[in-house]
Amino acid sequence: RREGHSVVVFERQKQVGGTWIYTVHVESDPLSVDPTRIVVHSSVYDSLRTNLPRECMGFRDFPFLIRSGESRDSRRYPSHSEVLTYLQDFANEFGIEELIRFETAVVRVSPATESDGEEGIGKWKGKGRKLIIAMRFTMLLLFV
């Protein structure tokens, strides 16, 4: 955005945080045999802590500093909830939430071809799943 690009961020979850969002829910079908099962997208477990120090995890213009407040984790290798809070703080600080399409999964992204028309050349096209939407991108930003 700083450099004038139009940015759209796609997030499968209902909130900022992606993989760092913890849930106690587990899939009812651990072998993924039942195609009608409810899929739970979380690789975080309750006692998870980072394997990198917070100094390595922060963004240059928003360092991952120890912050005061209730439920804040001051350890150098913080818990998943502290990482989630940091990402939410970052999104709030830089107004990123207004750029996010929540509950939208990116199914496929590929270069646009000549068959997409001359204005598509050099751009990207993608397919997402919410209401099964098809989109054309000039830039794609994914963050995990």
Protein backbone atom coordinates (compact mmCIF):
# COMPACT_ATOMS: atom_id res chain seq x y z
CA ARG A 1 0.00 0.00 0.00
CA ARG A 2 2.84 2.35 0.85
CA GLU A 3 4.12 1.97 -2.70
CA GLY A 4 0.74 2.61 -4.29
CA HIS A 5 -0.39 -0.97 -4.89
CA SER A 6 -3.97 -2.04 -4.48
CA VAL A 7 -3.79 -4.81 -1.87
CA VAL A 8 -6.28 -7.52 -0.97
CA VAL A 9 -5.54 -10.09 1.75
CA PHE A 10 -7.47 -13.36 1.90
CA GLU A 11 -7.99 -15.06 5.26
CA ARG A 12 -9.71 -18.40 5.70
CA GLN A 13 -10.61 -17.64 9.31
CA LYS A 14 -13.08 -15.08 10.72
CA GLN A 15 -10.28 -12.98 12.25
CA VAL A 16 -6.68 -11.93 11.80
CA GLY A 17 -4.16 -14.55 12.84
CA GLY A 18 -4.35 -17.51 10.47
CA THR A 19 -2.43 -20.47 11.80
CA TRP A 20 -1.99 -18.81 15.21
CA ILE A 21 -5.71 -19.00 16.04
CA TYR A 22 -6.17 -21.71 18.66
CA THR A 23 -9.30 -23.79 18.92
CA VAL A 24 -10.15 -26.74 21.14
CA HIS A 25 -12.16 -28.24 18.28
CA VAL A 26 -10.79 -31.24 16.42
CA GLU A 27 -12.01 -32.94 13.29
CA SER A 28 -14.60 -35.64 13.83
CA ASP A 29 -12.92 -37.77 11.16
CA PRO A 30 -9.15 -37.82 11.82
CA LEU A 31 -8.50 -39.90 8.67
CA SER A 32 -10.42 -37.44 6.46
CA VAL A 33 -12.49 -40.20 4.88
CA ASP A 34 -15.86 -38.48 5.31
CA PRO A 35 -16.19 -35.70 2.71
CA THR A 36 -19.03 -34.10 4.71
CA ARG A 37 -16.92 -33.70 7.87
CA ILE A 38 -16.33 -30.29 9.40
CA VAL A 39 -12.73 -29.36 8.66
CA VAL A 40 -10.80 -27.71 11.48
CA HIS A 41 -7.91 -25.54 10.28
CA SER A 42 -5.53 -25.15 13.18
CA SER A 43 -2.06 -26.50 13.75
CA VAL A 44 -1.77 -24.86 17.16
CA TYR A 45 -2.08 -26.80 20.40
CA ASP A 46 -2.83 -25.34 23.81
CA SER A 47 0.71 -25.33 25.26
CA LEU A 48 2.50 -24.28 22.04
CA ARG A 49 5.30 -21.73 22.31
CA THR A 50 7.41 -20.37 19.48
CA ASN A 51 10.75 -21.97 18.63
CA LEU A 52 12.18 -18.57 17.66
CA PRO A 53 12.81 -15.64 19.98
CA ARG A 54 10.40 -12.75 19.59
CA GLU A 55 13.25 -10.55 18.31
CA CYS A 56 13.37 -12.67 15.12
CA MET A 57 9.62 -12.72 14.58
CA GLY A 58 8.71 -9.04 14.46
CA PHE A 59 8.31 -6.79 11.45
CA ARG A 60 10.95 -4.10 10.94
CA ASP A 61 8.49 -1.24 11.46
CA PHE A 62 6.58 -3.02 14.25
CA PRO A 63 8.98 -4.95 16.53
CA PHE A 64 7.63 -7.87 18.56
CA LEU A 65 8.30 -6.18 21.91
CA ILE A 66 7.16 -7.19 25.35
CA ARG A 67 3.95 -5.24 25.93
CA SER A 68 2.22 -4.66 29.23
CA GLY A 69 -1.32 -5.69 29.94
CA GLU A 70 -3.41 -8.56 31.14
CA SER A 71 -2.83 -11.92 29.48
CA ARG A 72 0.42 -10.77 27.85
CA ASP A 73 3.30 -13.25 27.71
CA SER A 74 6.65 -11.59 28.46
CA ARG A 75 8.79 -14.67 27.73
CA ARG A 76 11.39 -14.47 24.97
CA TYR A 77 9.79 -17.55 23.34
CA PRO A 78 6.13 -16.59 23.74
CA SER A 79 2.95 -18.63 23.53
CA HIS A 80 0.72 -18.89 20.49
CA SER A 81 -1.75 -16.47 22.07
CA GLU A 82 0.96 -13.78 22.35
CA VAL A 83 1.85 -14.23 18.66
CA LEU A 84 -1.84 -13.96 17.76
CA THR A 85 -2.18 -10.78 19.84
CA TYR A 86 0.94 -9.33 18.19
CA LEU A 87 -0.51 -9.99 14.71
CA GLN A 88 -3.82 -8.41 15.72
CA ASP A 89 -1.99 -5.38 17.17
CA PHE A 90 -0.03 -5.07 13.91
CA ALA A 91 -3.21 -5.25 11.82
CA ASN A 92 -4.85 -2.57 13.98
CA GLU A 93 -1.79 -0.30 13.93
CA PHE A 94 -1.54 -0.31 10.13
CA GLY A 95 -5.24 -0.53 9.21
CA ILE A 96 -4.88 -3.91 7.56
CA GLU A 97 -8.27 -5.35 8.54
CA GLU A 98 -9.99 -3.12 5.99
CA LEU A 99 -7.98 -4.94 3.27
CA ILE A 100 -8.91 -8.46 4.38
CA ARG A 101 -11.60 -10.69 2.93
CA PHE A 102 -12.32 -12.96 5.87
CA GLU A 103 -13.67 -16.50 5.54
CA THR A 104 -12.25 -16.75 2.03
CA ALA A 105 -9.99 -19.61 1.03
CA VAL A 106 -7.64 -19.20 -1.93
CA VAL A 107 -8.16 -22.29 -4.05
CA ARG A 108 -5.92 -21.47 -7.01
CA VAL A 109 -3.71 -18.63 -8.26
CA SER A 110 -2.12 -18.68 -11.69
CA PRO A 111 -0.72 -16.23 -14.23
CA ALA A 112 -3.36 -14.70 -16.49
CA THR A 113 -3.06 -15.82 -20.12
CA GLU A 114 -3.74 -14.24 -23.49
CA SER A 115 -7.17 -15.89 -23.47
CA ASP A 116 -8.05 -13.68 -20.47
CA GLY A 117 -7.76 -10.66 -22.74
CA GLU A 118 -4.96 -8.21 -23.35
CA GLU A 119 -5.50 -6.38 -20.05
CA GLY A 120 -4.84 -9.66 -18.20
CA ILE A 121 -1.33 -10.21 -19.56
CA GLY A 122 1.29 -9.83 -16.83
CA LYS A 123 -1.33 -10.13 -14.12
CA TRP A 124 -2.64 -12.94 -11.96
CA LYS A 125 -5.99 -14.62 -11.81
CA GLY A 126 -7.26 -16.52 -8.86
CA LYS A 127 -10.13 -18.53 -7.59
CA GLY A 128 -11.35 -18.33 -4.05
CA ARG A 129 -14.01 -20.15 -2.14
CA LYS A 130 -16.62 -18.28 -0.17
CA LEU A 131 -19.34 -17.76 -2.67
CA ILE A 132 -17.02 -19.35 -5.29
CA ILE A 133 -15.54 -16.13 -6.52
CA ALA A 134 -13.21 -15.62 -9.46
CA MET A 135 -10.82 -12.68 -9.30
CA ARG A 136 -8.02 -11.08 -11.28
CA PHE A 137 -5.03 -9.69 -9.35
CA THR A 138 -2.31 -7.22 -10.14
CA MET A 139 -0.57 -8.22 -6.91
CA LEU A 140 -1.14 -11.04 -4.47
CA LEU A 141 -0.18 -10.73 -0.81
CA LEU A 142 -0.41 -13.75 1.46
CA PHE A 143 0.71 -13.73 5.05
CA VAL A 144 0.69 -16.54 7.49
